Amino acid sequence: MWLLEQVNQLARKISNATRTSPPKRVNNSHPMDQIDRTCYSNSLLRQPLIAVSITEELENPLYAGILNTLSNHCVGTVPLPVAISGRDNLNDAVEDKWMEWAVHNKIGSALREFRRKAASTGLAVLFPFRQETTHEIKLGFKVYGRNDLTSPSQTATDANIEDGVEFNRNNEVVAVWIKEDGNDEPTRYSSIEDDTTTTPVIVWSRKRIVDRWPECAPAFAIYPSIRRFMDNITKGEEMRTAIPMFLELDLAAYPADKTYVPDGTFTYEPGMVPTLPPGTKMAAFNAASVASDRSQFINLMASVAARCIDCPMNLALGDSSNHNMSSSMTDLQPWKYAVDIDRHDFEIVVRLVFNMWYTRAQLVPAYLPISSFSYPQLPVLFNYTVLFNHPDPVKCSSSRAQDLVSGASTLTRIYADQGRNARRELRKEARMLGITVQKLYELILTSRSKVAFQVLNGNQDSSTQVQETA
């Protein structure tokens, strides 16, 4: 509450300083309700809003769940590289060693935490460091959020540093200043590789770097109302279950014109109300409400943060009980598009991490094939964990078969949708069957021809039946 009061006071000062007309008076009890929305563009509100986001993340399970959903779906377990160098032995070695290193050094966890920090604070920093591990490559990563950055007390006159982020003339990030334990002043870490920096930090934001707002900031004006509503519901239900009781005095024994104290003792149980004056009785407002309306209202307000990142309500709440399969998949389809866009924007971070690992892997003796030195920058694609599948496996199989026959899809795309490598999977399958990879390819082509013939016959039979019926 104190934090929101500070946000409110700061917003009023900014509003009064920037308005040409007097601010409108808002008659709401909560400070967040009185913040002028035009002040969101002012950088002075950034720190309080980030503090509100961190507080909500610690105290609001719905908000924390939305951040978990976003980071888990964007990153998945860990992005799977698919090397396309043209040399299968190098491609296989790179893919295997990457997964081995990612498991030992918890790279997937670091990337998910990095994405979560970027959503929670508006900006995240991935800090490479030497990790104490038994793996040959000691590269690990620490994650810092926007709340871990601060500007130094003394800077050069031409330095453009704002809230711990240093920009150049083109508003590009060149360094960050990180608060470290035991130091009064923050430490500068460059985000670009130069003569003085061999391993730069990685700075990323979903929105523009110069904005750096929490991604769900518009929902913070609604969360106080949700909390008040939930508190009132909790108090009301506690009052109902307490079963209030009181003692009613007999007017014949205790006349109302005189003051009497009942003789003896009476032990009050928890939830009981003390004795009332004679001639009075307890009354209360009718607090009855329709359970379905209350549930819908809570779900609507609780999903406002999810809508800021295009996440559907049923996924944010973890409840699809009111949806059938079709409506649930319809709601999830736009979320899949949003995750694809987010993965595309986030892949710059994954590629920078991969390049750091690949550069170190080349320096470890006998870790990668000698042919790796022919590729200073290895060409690579990335597959991610599949989000959702249709619950009916027969329909999924039939759809994939028809797409392969028609040429609408390929084995590479299908395996990529499952987060796997088609080349590696087919090679394993051939080894398990005891045949060559070329023979397996021939069998796959033959099976496609059979499926195509069946589909063609099925279509012809259907057209014949329609003609006969006509």
Protein backbone atom coordinates (compact mmCIF):
# COMPACT_ATOMS: atom_id res chain seq x y z
CA MET A 1 0.00 0.00 0.00
CA TRP A 2 2.85 2.38 0.82
CA LEU A 3 4.41 1.67 -2.58
CA LEU A 4 1.19 2.46 -4.41
CA GLU A 5 0.82 5.68 -2.40
CA GLN A 6 4.27 6.71 -3.60
CA VAL A 7 3.30 5.93 -7.19
CA ASN A 8 0.18 8.02 -6.78
CA GLN A 9 2.04 11.02 -5.37
CA LEU A 10 4.65 10.85 -8.12
CA ALA A 11 1.96 10.61 -10.79
CA ARG A 12 0.15 13.68 -9.43
CA LYS A 13 3.38 15.70 -9.45
CA ILE A 14 4.13 14.70 -13.04
CA SER A 15 0.55 15.31 -14.10
CA ASN A 16 0.43 18.79 -12.55
CA ALA A 17 3.75 19.70 -14.14
CA THR A 18 2.81 18.54 -17.64
CA ARG A 19 -0.87 19.52 -17.88
CA THR A 20 -2.11 22.81 -19.21
CA SER A 21 -5.46 22.36 -17.48
CA PRO A 22 -6.25 21.22 -13.95
CA PRO A 23 -6.29 17.42 -13.46
CA LYS A 24 -9.62 15.69 -13.18
CA ARG A 25 -10.63 14.58 -9.72
CA VAL A 26 -11.21 10.82 -9.49
CA ASN A 27 -13.28 9.57 -6.60
CA ASN A 28 -11.68 6.15 -6.03
CA SER A 29 -10.28 4.79 -2.80
CA HIS A 30 -7.24 3.02 -4.22
CA PRO A 31 -4.16 5.04 -5.22
CA MET A 32 -3.57 3.09 -8.43
CA ASP A 33 -7.04 4.07 -9.59
CA GLN A 34 -6.09 7.75 -9.44
CA ILE A 35 -2.98 7.60 -11.61
CA ASP A 36 -3.41 9.60 -14.76
CA ARG A 37 -2.88 7.29 -17.72
CA THR A 38 -1.05 10.02 -19.64
CA CYS A 39 1.78 9.76 -17.11
CA TYR A 40 2.72 6.25 -18.25
CA SER A 41 4.91 7.78 -20.94
CA ASN A 42 7.06 9.52 -18.33
CA SER A 43 10.27 7.74 -17.32
CA LEU A 44 9.88 8.81 -13.68
CA LEU A 45 7.08 6.25 -13.26
CA ARG A 46 9.16 3.38 -14.59
CA GLN A 47 10.82 2.45 -11.30
CA PRO A 48 7.57 2.44 -9.25
CA LEU A 49 5.79 0.35 -11.88
CA ILE A 50 8.65 -2.15 -11.92
CA ALA A 51 8.44 -2.34 -8.13
CA VAL A 52 4.68 -2.97 -8.38
CA SER A 53 5.35 -5.74 -10.92
CA ILE A 54 7.85 -7.45 -8.63
CA THR A 55 5.46 -7.17 -5.68
CA GLU A 56 2.60 -8.66 -7.68
CA GLU A 57 4.87 -11.46 -8.84
CA LEU A 58 5.59 -12.38 -5.21
CA GLU A 59 2.05 -11.96 -3.86
CA ASN A 60 -0.27 -12.64 -6.80
CA PRO A 61 -0.31 -16.30 -7.92
CA LEU A 62 -2.29 -15.45 -11.06
CA TYR A 63 0.32 -12.94 -12.23
CA ALA A 64 3.16 -15.31 -11.36
CA GLY A 65 1.41 -18.07 -13.31
CA ILE A 66 1.09 -15.84 -16.38
CA LEU A 67 4.83 -15.09 -16.29
CA ASN A 68 5.57 -18.80 -15.92
CA THR A 69 3.34 -19.64 -18.89
CA LEU A 70 5.00 -17.02 -21.08
CA SER A 71 8.58 -18.05 -20.26
CA ASN A 72 7.90 -21.80 -20.43
CA HIS A 73 6.10 -21.62 -23.77
CA CYS A 74 8.55 -19.20 -25.37
CA VAL A 75 11.73 -21.09 -24.45
CA GLY A 76 10.48 -24.62 -23.81
CA THR A 77 12.98 -27.09 -22.41
CA VAL A 78 15.91 -25.66 -24.34
CA PRO A 79 16.07 -24.62 -28.03
CA LEU A 80 17.32 -27.53 -30.15
CA PRO A 81 19.91 -26.56 -32.79
CA VAL A 82 19.76 -28.18 -36.20
CA ALA A 83 23.16 -27.71 -37.82
CA ILE A 84 23.14 -27.42 -41.63
CA SER A 85 26.84 -27.32 -42.43
CA GLY A 86 26.68 -30.12 -45.01
CA ARG A 87 28.91 -32.38 -42.91
CA ASP A 88 26.84 -34.87 -40.97
CA ASN A 89 29.55 -35.78 -38.47
CA LEU A 90 29.99 -32.12 -37.51
CA ASN A 91 26.24 -31.53 -37.39
CA ASP A 92 25.67 -34.55 -35.13
CA ALA A 93 28.53 -33.60 -32.81
CA VAL A 94 27.35 -30.01 -32.44
CA GLU A 95 23.77 -31.04 -31.68
CA ASP A 96 24.81 -33.70 -29.15
CA LYS A 97 27.40 -31.56 -27.38
CA TRP A 98 25.02 -28.59 -27.18
CA MET A 99 22.35 -30.66 -25.42
CA GLU A 100 24.94 -32.19 -23.10
CA TRP A 101 26.26 -28.75 -22.13
CA ALA A 102 22.75 -27.31 -21.75
CA VAL A 103 21.79 -30.06 -19.30
CA HIS A 104 24.96 -29.81 -17.19
CA ASN A 105 24.99 -26.00 -16.97
CA LYS A 106 21.20 -25.45 -16.70
CA ILE A 107 20.99 -23.33 -19.82
CA GLY A 108 17.29 -23.94 -20.33
CA SER A 109 16.53 -22.70 -16.83
CA ALA A 110 18.66 -19.60 -17.38
CA LEU A 111 16.90 -18.76 -20.66
CA ARG A 112 13.45 -19.21 -19.10
CA GLU A 113 14.38 -16.98 -16.16
CA PHE A 114 15.80 -14.43 -18.61
CA ARG A 115 12.52 -14.32 -20.55
CA ARG A 116 10.57 -14.07 -17.30
CA LYS A 117 12.69 -11.13 -16.07
CA ALA A 118 12.20 -9.33 -19.36
CA ALA A 119 8.43 -9.64 -18.98
CA SER A 120 8.38 -8.74 -15.29
CA THR A 121 10.74 -5.75 -15.31
CA GLY A 122 10.72 -4.72 -18.98
CA LEU A 123 14.38 -5.52 -19.58
CA ALA A 124 16.74 -8.40 -18.78
CA VAL A 125 20.50 -8.92 -18.79
CA LEU A 126 22.17 -12.30 -19.40
CA PHE A 127 25.57 -12.25 -17.72
CA PRO A 128 28.12 -14.92 -18.81
CA PHE A 129 30.45 -16.23 -16.11
CA ARG A 130 32.76 -19.16 -15.38
CA GLN A 131 30.64 -21.82 -13.73
CA GLU A 132 32.02 -24.43 -11.35
CA THR A 133 31.01 -27.63 -13.11
CA THR A 134 32.53 -30.92 -14.21
CA HIS A 135 31.68 -30.18 -17.84
CA GLU A 136 34.49 -29.31 -20.27
CA ILE A 137 32.89 -25.94 -21.05
CA LYS A 138 32.52 -23.85 -17.90
CA LEU A 139 30.26 -21.24 -19.47
CA GLY A 140 27.20 -20.40 -17.38
CA PHE A 141 24.79 -17.48 -17.18
CA LYS A 142 23.37 -15.25 -14.47
CA VAL A 143 20.16 -13.32 -15.01
CA TYR A 144 19.56 -9.73 -13.93
CA GLY A 145 16.36 -7.75 -14.21
CA ARG A 146 15.69 -4.07 -14.64
CA ASN A 147 15.50 -3.70 -10.83
CA ASP A 148 19.17 -4.81 -10.52
CA LEU A 149 20.48 -1.86 -12.56
CA THR A 150 21.31 1.61 -11.28
CA SER A 151 23.13 4.63 -12.62
CA PRO A 152 26.53 5.59 -11.19
CA SER A 153 26.80 8.67 -9.00
CA GLN A 154 29.44 10.26 -11.22
CA THR A 155 29.45 10.02 -15.02
CA ALA A 156 30.99 11.82 -17.93
CA THR A 157 29.17 14.87 -19.18
CA ASP A 158 28.50 13.31 -22.59
CA ALA A 159 27.33 9.95 -21.20
CA ASN A 160 23.72 9.02 -21.86
CA ILE A 161 22.84 6.81 -18.88
CA GLU A 162 19.27 6.30 -17.77
CA ASP A 163 18.36 4.03 -14.86
CA GLY A 164 21.53 1.98 -15.22
CA VAL A 165 21.33 1.58 -19.01
CA GLU A 166 23.90 3.37 -21.16
CA PHE A 167 22.93 4.42 -24.69
CA ASN A 168 24.82 5.76 -27.65
CA ARG A 169 23.64 8.56 -29.93
CA ASN A 170 21.30 6.18 -31.79
CA ASN A 171 19.60 5.07 -28.56
CA GLU A 172 21.32 1.67 -28.78
CA VAL A 173 22.40 -0.05 -25.58
CA VAL A 174 26.18 -0.10 -25.22
CA ALA A 175 26.50 -1.02 -21.53
CA VAL A 176 24.61 -1.68 -18.31
CA TRP A 177 25.49 -0.77 -14.74
CA ILE A 178 24.77 -3.64 -12.34
CA LYS A 179 24.50 -3.33 -8.57
CA GLU A 180 26.71 -5.90 -6.87
CA ASP A 181 26.88 -6.93 -3.24
CA GLY A 182 29.61 -5.23 -1.25
CA ASN A 183 30.10 -2.36 -3.71
CA ASP A 184 28.74 1.12 -3.19
CA GLU A 185 28.94 1.95 -6.90
CA PRO A 186 27.54 -0.18 -9.74
CA THR A 187 29.88 -1.96 -12.16
CA ARG A 188 29.82 -1.24 -15.87
CA TYR A 189 29.46 -4.20 -18.27
CA SER A 190 29.56 -3.64 -22.00
CA SER A 191 26.94 -5.16 -24.29
CA ILE A 192 29.09 -4.83 -27.43
CA GLU A 193 32.32 -6.68 -28.17
CA ASP A 194 35.33 -4.41 -28.45
CA ASP A 195 39.05 -4.39 -27.61
CA THR A 196 38.36 -4.20 -23.86
CA THR A 197 35.43 -6.64 -23.74
CA THR A 198 35.81 -10.23 -24.88
CA THR A 199 32.48 -11.54 -23.59
CA PRO A 200 29.75 -8.89 -23.65
CA VAL A 201 26.53 -9.22 -21.71
CA ILE A 202 23.27 -9.82 -23.55
CA VAL A 203 20.57 -7.16 -23.11
CA TRP A 204 17.07 -7.81 -24.44
CA SER A 205 13.60 -6.35 -24.18
CA ARG A 206 10.34 -7.48 -25.80
CA LYS A 207 9.39 -3.87 -26.44
CA ARG A 208 11.63 -1.03 -27.46
CA ILE A 209 14.74 -0.77 -25.26
CA VAL A 210 14.09 2.92 -24.65
CA ASP A 211 10.66 2.10 -23.12
CA ARG A 212 11.51 -0.87 -20.86
CA TRP A 213 8.05 -1.14 -19.27
CA PRO A 214 6.80 -4.36 -17.68
CA GLU A 215 4.90 -6.20 -20.39
CA CYS A 216 1.73 -6.47 -18.27
CA ALA A 217 1.86 -2.91 -16.90
CA PRO A 218 -1.65 -1.94 -18.13
CA ALA A 219 -3.12 -4.60 -15.82
CA PHE A 220 -1.67 -3.04 -12.67
CA ALA A 221 -4.53 -0.54 -12.55
CA ILE A 222 -7.00 -3.46 -12.31
CA TYR A 223 -5.19 -5.63 -9.78
CA PRO A 224 -6.04 -3.45 -6.74
CA SER A 225 -9.72 -3.80 -7.58
CA ILE A 226 -9.33 -7.56 -7.83
CA ARG A 227 -7.61 -7.69 -4.44
CA ARG A 228 -10.31 -5.58 -2.77
CA PHE A 229 -13.05 -7.71 -4.32
CA MET A 230 -11.39 -10.94 -3.19
CA ASP A 231 -10.83 -9.57 0.34
CA ASN A 232 -14.51 -8.63 0.63
CA ILE A 233 -15.59 -12.07 -0.56
CA THR A 234 -13.27 -13.73 1.96
CA LYS A 235 -14.58 -11.60 4.83
CA GLY A 236 -18.18 -12.25 3.83
CA GLU A 237 -17.72 -16.00 3.65
CA GLU A 238 -15.90 -16.03 6.98
CA MET A 239 -18.82 -14.15 8.54
CA ARG A 240 -21.26 -16.68 7.10
CA THR A 241 -19.36 -19.70 8.39
CA ALA A 242 -18.74 -18.16 11.85
CA ILE A 243 -22.51 -18.45 12.68
CA PRO A 244 -22.80 -15.28 14.83
CA MET A 245 -24.74 -15.76 18.10
CA PHE A 246 -25.82 -13.44 20.91
CA LEU A 247 -27.79 -13.52 24.16
CA GLU A 248 -31.26 -11.96 24.18
CA LEU A 249 -32.38 -10.57 27.56
CA ASP A 250 -35.87 -11.21 28.88
CA LEU A 251 -37.57 -7.83 29.35
CA ALA A 252 -39.60 -9.18 32.27
CA ALA A 253 -36.48 -10.10 34.19
CA TYR A 254 -34.39 -7.16 33.01
CA PRO A 255 -36.56 -4.06 32.46
CA ALA A 256 -35.31 -1.68 29.84
CA ASP A 257 -35.64 1.41 32.02
CA LYS A 258 -32.93 0.23 34.37
CA THR A 259 -29.46 -1.08 33.86
CA TYR A 260 -28.92 -4.67 34.94
CA VAL A 261 -26.02 -7.00 34.48
CA PRO A 262 -26.92 -10.69 34.03
CA ASP A 263 -25.89 -12.86 36.94
CA GLY A 264 -23.50 -15.77 36.56
CA THR A 265 -20.94 -16.33 33.87
CA PHE A 266 -21.15 -17.20 30.19
CA THR A 267 -18.17 -18.24 28.07
CA TYR A 268 -18.29 -16.81 24.56
CA GLU A 269 -17.15 -19.06 21.74
CA PRO A 270 -15.11 -17.73 18.80
CA GLY A 271 -17.39 -15.91 16.39
CA MET A 272 -20.07 -15.08 18.95
CA VAL A 273 -21.29 -11.53 19.46
CA PRO A 274 -21.49 -10.15 23.05
CA THR A 275 -24.84 -9.57 24.75
CA LEU A 276 -26.98 -6.93 23.04
CA PRO A 277 -28.95 -4.23 24.89
CA PRO A 278 -32.59 -5.13 25.59
CA GLY A 279 -35.00 -4.24 22.84
CA THR A 280 -32.40 -4.55 20.06
CA LYS A 281 -31.68 -7.22 17.51
CA MET A 282 -29.01 -7.87 14.92
CA ALA A 283 -29.57 -6.82 11.31
CA ALA A 284 -27.34 -6.88 8.20
CA PHE A 285 -27.37 -5.96 4.53
CA ASN A 286 -28.38 -8.59 2.03
CA ALA A 287 -25.02 -9.73 0.72
CA ALA A 288 -26.35 -12.53 -1.45
CA SER A 289 -24.89 -12.79 -4.96
CA VAL A 290 -25.16 -15.18 -7.84
CA ALA A 291 -22.23 -17.59 -7.76
CA SER A 292 -21.91 -17.82 -11.55
CA ASP A 293 -21.82 -14.02 -11.99
CA ARG A 294 -19.21 -13.73 -9.27
CA SER A 295 -17.06 -16.43 -10.88
CA GLN A 296 -17.28 -14.84 -14.32
CA PHE A 297 -16.37 -11.43 -12.90
CA ILE A 298 -13.32 -12.83 -11.11
CA ASN A 299 -12.15 -14.68 -14.22
CA LEU A 300 -12.61 -11.59 -16.37
CA MET A 301 -10.60 -9.35 -14.06
CA ALA A 302 -7.95 -11.96 -13.33
CA SER A 303 -7.18 -12.42 -17.03
CA VAL A 304 -6.42 -8.76 -17.78
CA ALA A 305 -2.66 -9.30 -17.43
CA ALA A 306 -2.86 -12.29 -19.76
CA ARG A 307 -4.56 -10.18 -22.43
CA CYS A 308 -1.56 -7.82 -22.41
CA ILE A 309 0.51 -10.67 -23.89
CA ASP A 310 -2.36 -12.19 -25.97
CA CYS A 311 -2.70 -15.15 -23.62
CA PRO A 312 -6.24 -16.66 -23.49
CA MET A 313 -8.17 -16.60 -20.23
CA ASN A 314 -8.54 -20.36 -19.87
CA LEU A 315 -4.78 -20.85 -20.21
CA ALA A 316 -3.98 -18.04 -17.78
CA LEU A 317 -6.37 -19.42 -15.16
CA GLY A 318 -5.47 -23.05 -15.85
CA ASP A 319 -9.16 -23.91 -16.19
CA SER A 320 -10.93 -25.05 -19.37
CA SER A 321 -13.86 -26.69 -17.60
CA ASN A 322 -16.34 -24.36 -19.34
CA HIS A 323 -14.88 -25.03 -22.79
CA ASN A 324 -15.39 -27.89 -25.15
CA MET A 325 -12.53 -29.13 -27.30
CA SER A 326 -13.33 -26.91 -30.28
CA SER A 327 -13.72 -23.67 -28.35
CA SER A 328 -10.61 -24.39 -26.29
CA MET A 329 -8.50 -24.98 -29.41
CA THR A 330 -9.97 -21.86 -31.00
CA ASP A 331 -8.83 -19.80 -28.02
CA LEU A 332 -5.38 -21.40 -28.00
CA GLN A 333 -4.71 -20.88 -31.71
CA PRO A 334 -3.99 -17.11 -31.44
CA TRP A 335 -1.74 -17.88 -28.48
CA LYS A 336 0.32 -20.21 -30.68
CA TYR A 337 0.77 -17.37 -33.17
CA ALA A 338 1.81 -15.04 -30.34
CA VAL A 339 4.37 -17.58 -29.09
CA ASP A 340 5.75 -18.03 -32.63
CA ILE A 341 6.24 -14.27 -32.87
CA ASP A 342 7.80 -14.15 -29.42
CA ARG A 343 10.18 -16.99 -30.28
CA HIS A 344 11.20 -15.21 -33.46
CA ASP A 345 12.02 -12.03 -31.54
CA PHE A 346 13.76 -13.98 -28.76
CA GLU A 347 15.91 -16.09 -31.09
CA ILE A 348 18.56 -13.36 -31.25
CA VAL A 349 19.33 -14.20 -27.63
CA VAL A 350 19.46 -17.94 -28.35
CA ARG A 351 21.85 -17.38 -31.25
CA LEU A 352 24.15 -15.21 -29.17
CA VAL A 353 24.27 -17.90 -26.49
CA PHE A 354 24.93 -20.56 -29.13
CA ASN A 355 27.79 -18.50 -30.64
CA MET A 356 29.38 -18.09 -27.20
CA TRP A 357 29.22 -21.84 -26.64
CA TYR A 358 30.42 -22.72 -30.16
CA THR A 359 33.45 -20.41 -29.89
CA ARG A 360 34.51 -22.08 -26.64
CA ALA A 361 33.75 -25.56 -27.95
CA GLN A 362 36.18 -25.05 -30.82
CA LEU A 363 38.96 -24.33 -28.32
CA VAL A 364 38.49 -27.54 -26.30
CA PRO A 365 40.80 -30.27 -27.69
CA ALA A 366 38.97 -33.14 -29.41
CA TYR A 367 35.59 -31.78 -28.33
CA LEU A 368 34.30 -31.12 -31.86
CA PRO A 369 35.50 -32.56 -35.18
CA ILE A 370 38.43 -30.76 -36.78
CA SER A 371 36.11 -29.68 -39.59
CA SER A 372 34.48 -27.20 -37.17
CA PHE A 373 37.32 -24.77 -37.85
CA SER A 374 36.07 -24.48 -41.42
CA TYR A 375 32.93 -22.84 -40.01
CA PRO A 376 33.74 -19.86 -37.76
CA GLN A 377 29.98 -19.14 -37.78
CA LEU A 378 28.17 -22.47 -38.03
CA PRO A 379 24.90 -22.26 -40.01
CA VAL A 380 22.19 -23.50 -37.70
CA LEU A 381 18.42 -23.49 -37.27
CA PHE A 382 16.52 -23.90 -34.00
CA ASN A 383 13.56 -26.09 -33.14
CA TYR A 384 11.43 -25.53 -30.06
CA THR A 385 9.19 -27.66 -27.88
CA VAL A 386 5.77 -28.18 -29.42
CA LEU A 387 3.02 -26.22 -27.68
CA PHE A 388 -0.24 -28.14 -28.17
CA ASN A 389 -1.41 -31.21 -30.04
CA HIS A 390 -4.89 -32.28 -30.98
CA PRO A 391 -6.09 -34.71 -28.30
CA ASP A 392 -7.16 -37.28 -30.91
CA PRO A 393 -4.00 -39.08 -32.14
CA VAL A 394 -5.83 -40.68 -35.08
CA LYS A 395 -6.84 -37.30 -36.47
CA CYS A 396 -3.30 -35.96 -35.99
CA SER A 397 -1.82 -38.94 -37.83
CA SER A 398 -4.32 -38.69 -40.68
CA SER A 399 -3.73 -34.96 -41.07
CA ARG A 400 0.06 -35.40 -41.20
CA ALA A 401 -0.26 -38.21 -43.77
CA GLN A 402 -2.43 -36.13 -46.08
CA ASP A 403 -0.11 -33.14 -45.76
CA LEU A 404 2.87 -35.31 -46.73
CA VAL A 405 1.06 -36.78 -49.72
CA SER A 406 -0.15 -33.39 -50.98
CA GLY A 407 3.22 -31.75 -50.41
CA ALA A 408 1.74 -29.23 -47.99
CA SER A 409 4.29 -30.33 -45.39
CA THR A 410 7.56 -32.28 -45.14
CA LEU A 411 9.14 -34.64 -42.65
CA THR A 412 11.56 -31.87 -41.68
CA ARG A 413 8.71 -29.53 -40.75
CA ILE A 414 6.75 -32.24 -38.93
CA TYR A 415 9.74 -33.25 -36.82
CA ALA A 416 10.55 -29.59 -36.23
CA ASP A 417 7.02 -29.01 -34.91
CA GLN A 418 7.73 -31.77 -32.38
CA GLY A 419 11.03 -30.16 -31.40
CA ARG A 420 13.08 -32.92 -33.07
CA ASN A 421 15.66 -33.27 -35.82
CA ALA A 422 14.37 -35.19 -38.85
CA ARG A 423 17.83 -36.27 -40.01
CA ARG A 424 18.76 -37.67 -36.61
CA GLU A 425 15.41 -39.38 -36.01
CA LEU A 426 15.38 -41.14 -39.38
CA ARG A 427 18.94 -42.29 -38.89
CA LYS A 428 18.05 -43.77 -35.49
CA GLU A 429 15.02 -45.48 -37.01
CA ALA A 430 17.13 -47.05 -39.78
CA ARG A 431 19.68 -48.27 -37.25
CA MET A 432 16.94 -49.81 -35.11
CA LEU A 433 15.41 -51.58 -38.14
CA GLY A 434 18.80 -52.81 -39.28
CA ILE A 435 18.62 -51.19 -42.70
CA THR A 436 20.41 -48.38 -44.42
CA VAL A 437 19.13 -44.83 -44.35
CA GLN A 438 18.71 -44.92 -48.11
CA LYS A 439 16.52 -48.03 -47.82
CA LEU A 440 14.39 -46.29 -45.21
CA TYR A 441 13.91 -43.35 -47.56
CA GLU A 442 12.70 -45.74 -50.24
CA LEU A 443 10.22 -47.34 -47.86
CA ILE A 444 8.88 -43.90 -46.87
CA LEU A 445 8.41 -42.93 -50.52
CA THR A 446 6.65 -46.23 -51.20
CA SER A 447 4.29 -45.76 -48.26
CA ARG A 448 3.47 -42.27 -49.47
CA SER A 449 2.53 -43.63 -52.85
CA LYS A 450 0.19 -46.15 -51.24
CA VAL A 451 -1.44 -43.47 -49.10
CA ALA A 452 -1.83 -41.23 -52.13
CA PHE A 453 -3.49 -44.07 -54.04
CA GLN A 454 -5.88 -44.72 -51.14
CA VAL A 455 -6.77 -41.05 -50.87
CA LEU A 456 -7.32 -40.84 -54.61
CA ASN A 457 -9.58 -43.90 -54.59
CA GLY A 458 -11.48 -42.54 -51.61
CA ASN A 459 -12.16 -39.29 -53.40
CA GLN A 460 -13.28 -41.10 -56.55
CA ASP A 461 -15.62 -43.35 -54.57
CA SER A 462 -17.14 -40.34 -52.86
CA SER A 463 -17.74 -38.55 -56.17
CA THR A 464 -19.31 -41.71 -57.66
CA GLN A 465 -21.69 -42.04 -54.70
CA VAL A 466 -22.73 -38.42 -55.08
CA GLN A 467 -23.46 -38.92 -58.80
CA GLU A 468 -25.49 -42.08 -58.17
CA THR A 469 -27.50 -40.32 -55.45
CA ALA A 470 -28.22 -37.45 -57.80
